[in-house]
């Protein structure tokens, strides 16, 4: 996670960039930061992951998503290149779908199941909103009851709310710039 955070932070503060540099969640909200929009957080309600549950746990016991590990997905690792089902075809399908919302591919990491292509790198806010596709995020599913911290393990696609808020602000900042340059 620390390496992924360092990689993502290298992309912060690039003028006119719609690349997502942070994704995180706290059990209530899901938030993102966009390179060209500085340090501002754009948030929405955190989603609820699905997956393999501990014995005796039901989906109703699962808390909203939380944790800092979404920084791994921010740089194209984690849920971006892994399938919860364990099926190679599901993994490949998921990764191919993630390429459609990424700026490029990593040349530092390789994905053996896809002819050694690099994983998707640099999720592009505008592509996410245009395709209505959010990144896949792995999640240790937390239990709603604090005395039972683990409900299971799974994944989710965060809700679009934070992405839409960021896209609205990005268009308000970028459109006037292009109009001034015309």
Protein backbone atom coordinates (compact mmCIF):
# COMPACT_ATOMS: atom_id res chain seq x y z
CA UNK A 1 0.00 0.00 0.00
CA UNK A 2 2.81 2.43 0.79
CA UNK A 3 4.40 1.87 -2.62
CA UNK A 4 1.05 2.39 -4.33
CA UNK A 5 0.50 5.60 -2.36
CA UNK A 6 3.93 6.88 -3.44
CA UNK A 7 3.15 6.05 -7.08
CA UNK A 8 -0.27 7.75 -6.91
CA UNK A 9 1.11 10.83 -5.14
CA UNK A 10 3.58 11.34 -8.00
CA UNK A 11 0.57 12.15 -10.17
CA UNK A 12 -0.89 14.82 -7.86
CA UNK A 13 -1.26 18.42 -8.95
CA UNK A 14 -0.91 18.06 -12.72
CA UNK A 15 -2.91 20.90 -14.30
CA UNK A 16 -5.83 19.78 -16.49
CA UNK A 17 -5.37 16.11 -15.48
CA UNK A 18 -8.51 14.05 -14.86
CA UNK A 19 -6.56 11.13 -13.40
CA UNK A 20 -7.69 9.81 -10.02
CA UNK A 21 -4.84 9.91 -7.49
CA UNK A 22 -6.63 8.69 -4.37
CA UNK A 23 -9.54 6.38 -3.58
CA UNK A 24 -10.44 5.65 0.04
CA UNK A 25 -13.42 4.77 2.19
CA UNK A 26 -14.24 5.03 5.89
CA UNK A 27 -17.34 2.90 6.45
CA UNK A 28 -19.63 5.84 5.71
CA UNK A 29 -18.20 7.68 2.70
CA UNK A 30 -16.17 6.77 -0.37
CA UNK A 31 -13.85 9.53 -1.55
CA UNK A 32 -11.55 10.37 -4.43
CA UNK A 33 -9.00 13.03 -5.32
CA UNK A 34 -8.30 14.16 -8.88
CA UNK A 35 -4.82 15.22 -10.03
CA UNK A 36 -5.91 18.49 -11.66
CA UNK A 37 -8.23 19.49 -8.80
CA UNK A 38 -5.68 19.64 -5.99
CA UNK A 39 -6.29 18.27 -2.52
CA UNK A 40 -10.09 18.48 -2.57
CA UNK A 41 -12.02 15.33 -1.67
CA UNK A 42 -15.11 14.33 -3.65
CA UNK A 43 -17.27 11.97 -1.64
CA UNK A 44 -20.36 9.87 -1.82
CA UNK A 45 -21.96 7.15 0.24
CA UNK A 46 -19.68 4.12 0.63
CA UNK A 47 -20.93 0.95 -1.02
CA UNK A 48 -21.44 -2.47 0.53
CA UNK A 49 -19.17 -5.22 -0.73
CA UNK A 50 -20.28 -8.71 -1.66
CA UNK A 51 -18.33 -11.92 -1.50
CA UNK A 52 -17.52 -14.83 0.73
CA UNK A 53 -19.02 -14.48 4.20
CA UNK A 54 -17.92 -16.07 7.48
CA UNK A 55 -20.17 -18.86 8.81
CA UNK A 56 -23.38 -17.48 10.31
CA UNK A 57 -23.00 -14.09 8.60
CA UNK A 58 -25.62 -12.79 6.16
CA UNK A 59 -25.33 -9.91 3.65
CA UNK A 60 -27.40 -7.80 6.07
CA UNK A 61 -24.52 -8.06 8.59
CA UNK A 62 -21.98 -6.41 6.26
CA UNK A 63 -21.02 -2.80 6.96
CA UNK A 64 -20.41 -0.14 4.32
CA UNK A 65 -16.95 -0.40 2.78
CA UNK A 66 -13.93 0.96 4.65
CA UNK A 67 -10.17 1.11 4.49
CA UNK A 68 -7.14 2.65 2.85
CA UNK A 69 -6.29 -0.37 0.70
CA UNK A 70 -8.19 1.09 -2.29
CA UNK A 71 -4.94 2.93 -2.99
CA UNK A 72 -3.78 -0.34 -4.58
CA UNK A 73 -6.68 -0.22 -7.03
CA UNK A 74 -5.95 3.46 -7.65
CA UNK A 75 -2.73 2.39 -9.40
CA UNK A 76 -4.26 -0.62 -11.16
CA UNK A 77 -3.52 -3.44 -8.74
CA UNK A 78 -5.77 -5.26 -6.25
CA UNK A 79 -9.32 -5.76 -7.51
CA UNK A 80 -8.38 -4.37 -10.90
CA UNK A 81 -6.42 -7.51 -11.81
CA UNK A 82 -8.01 -10.12 -9.54
CA UNK A 83 -11.34 -11.87 -9.54
CA UNK A 84 -13.04 -12.86 -6.33
CA UNK A 85 -14.52 -15.94 -8.01
CA UNK A 86 -11.07 -17.29 -8.75
CA UNK A 87 -11.97 -17.95 -12.38
CA UNK A 88 -9.27 -16.96 -14.86
CA UNK A 89 -11.96 -15.87 -17.33
CA UNK A 90 -13.62 -13.63 -14.73
CA UNK A 91 -10.25 -12.10 -13.90
CA UNK A 92 -9.47 -11.42 -17.55
CA UNK A 93 -12.94 -10.00 -18.20
CA UNK A 94 -12.67 -7.70 -15.18
CA UNK A 95 -9.20 -6.46 -16.13
CA UNK A 96 -10.20 -5.86 -19.76
CA UNK A 97 -13.17 -3.82 -18.52
CA UNK A 98 -10.83 -1.76 -16.31
CA UNK A 99 -8.63 -0.88 -19.34
CA UNK A 100 -11.63 1.01 -20.76
CA UNK A 101 -11.51 3.50 -17.86
CA UNK A 102 -7.73 3.79 -17.55
CA UNK A 103 -5.36 6.24 -19.20
CA UNK A 104 -2.71 3.63 -20.01
CA UNK A 105 -1.06 0.39 -18.91
CA UNK A 106 1.75 -0.09 -16.42
CA UNK A 107 5.09 -1.13 -17.84
CA UNK A 108 6.43 -1.93 -14.36
CA UNK A 109 3.94 -4.65 -13.41
CA UNK A 110 2.82 -7.48 -15.66
CA UNK A 111 -0.42 -9.48 -15.82
CA UNK A 112 0.51 -13.03 -16.89
CA UNK A 113 -3.06 -14.09 -17.72
CA UNK A 114 -3.37 -11.35 -20.33
CA UNK A 115 -0.23 -11.95 -22.39
CA UNK A 116 1.91 -10.05 -19.89
CA UNK A 117 0.11 -6.75 -20.50
CA UNK A 118 0.56 -4.26 -17.74
CA UNK A 119 -2.43 -3.67 -15.49
CA UNK A 120 -4.63 -0.63 -16.16
CA UNK A 121 -2.90 2.50 -14.91
CA UNK A 122 -4.32 5.92 -14.17
CA UNK A 123 -8.08 5.71 -13.86
CA UNK A 124 -9.52 8.60 -15.83
CA UNK A 125 -12.44 10.38 -14.18
CA UNK A 126 -13.95 11.37 -17.52
CA UNK A 127 -13.86 7.80 -18.88
CA UNK A 128 -15.44 6.49 -15.67
CA UNK A 129 -18.35 8.91 -15.93
CA UNK A 130 -18.74 8.46 -19.70
CA UNK A 131 -18.88 4.65 -19.47
CA UNK A 132 -20.67 4.53 -16.09
CA UNK A 133 -17.99 2.06 -14.95
CA UNK A 134 -16.18 2.39 -11.64
CA UNK A 135 -12.99 0.54 -10.64
CA UNK A 136 -13.28 -2.85 -8.96
CA UNK A 137 -12.11 -2.67 -5.34
CA UNK A 138 -11.14 -5.62 -3.12
CA UNK A 139 -12.51 -5.40 0.38
CA UNK A 140 -12.22 -7.14 3.70
CA UNK A 141 -15.91 -7.03 4.54
CA UNK A 142 -16.39 -5.48 7.97
CA UNK A 143 -19.24 -6.55 10.24
CA UNK A 144 -21.81 -3.92 11.31
CA UNK A 145 -21.31 -4.99 14.93
CA UNK A 146 -18.00 -3.65 16.28
CA UNK A 147 -17.59 -6.76 18.43
CA UNK A 148 -17.41 -8.89 15.26
CA UNK A 149 -14.90 -7.09 13.09
CA UNK A 150 -14.80 -9.54 10.17
CA UNK A 151 -17.81 -10.46 8.06
CA UNK A 152 -15.90 -11.91 5.12
CA UNK A 153 -13.94 -10.95 2.06
CA UNK A 154 -15.19 -9.60 -1.23
CA UNK A 155 -15.21 -6.77 -3.69
CA UNK A 156 -17.37 -3.98 -5.04
CA UNK A 157 -17.65 -1.17 -7.52
CA UNK A 158 -18.00 2.09 -5.57
CA UNK A 159 -21.10 4.16 -6.31
CA UNK A 160 -20.83 6.87 -9.00
CA UNK A 161 -21.74 9.77 -6.70
CA UNK A 162 -18.17 10.88 -5.88
CA UNK A 163 -17.07 10.54 -9.52
CA UNK A 164 -19.99 12.63 -10.77
CA UNK A 165 -19.31 15.39 -8.23
CA UNK A 166 -15.67 15.49 -9.29
CA UNK A 167 -16.58 15.49 -13.00
CA UNK A 168 -18.93 18.44 -12.50
CA UNK A 169 -16.21 20.47 -10.79
CA UNK A 170 -13.62 19.38 -13.36
CA UNK A 171 -15.85 20.58 -16.21
CA UNK A 172 -16.46 23.90 -14.42
CA UNK A 173 -12.70 24.44 -14.15
CA UNK A 174 -11.66 23.09 -17.56
CA UNK A 175 -14.42 24.40 -19.86
CA UNK A 176 -13.79 28.07 -18.98
CA UNK A 177 -10.07 27.51 -19.66
CA UNK A 178 -10.75 26.11 -23.14
CA UNK A 179 -13.20 28.93 -23.88
CA UNK A 180 -10.58 31.51 -22.90
CA UNK A 181 -8.01 29.86 -25.17
CA UNK A 182 -10.37 29.90 -28.21
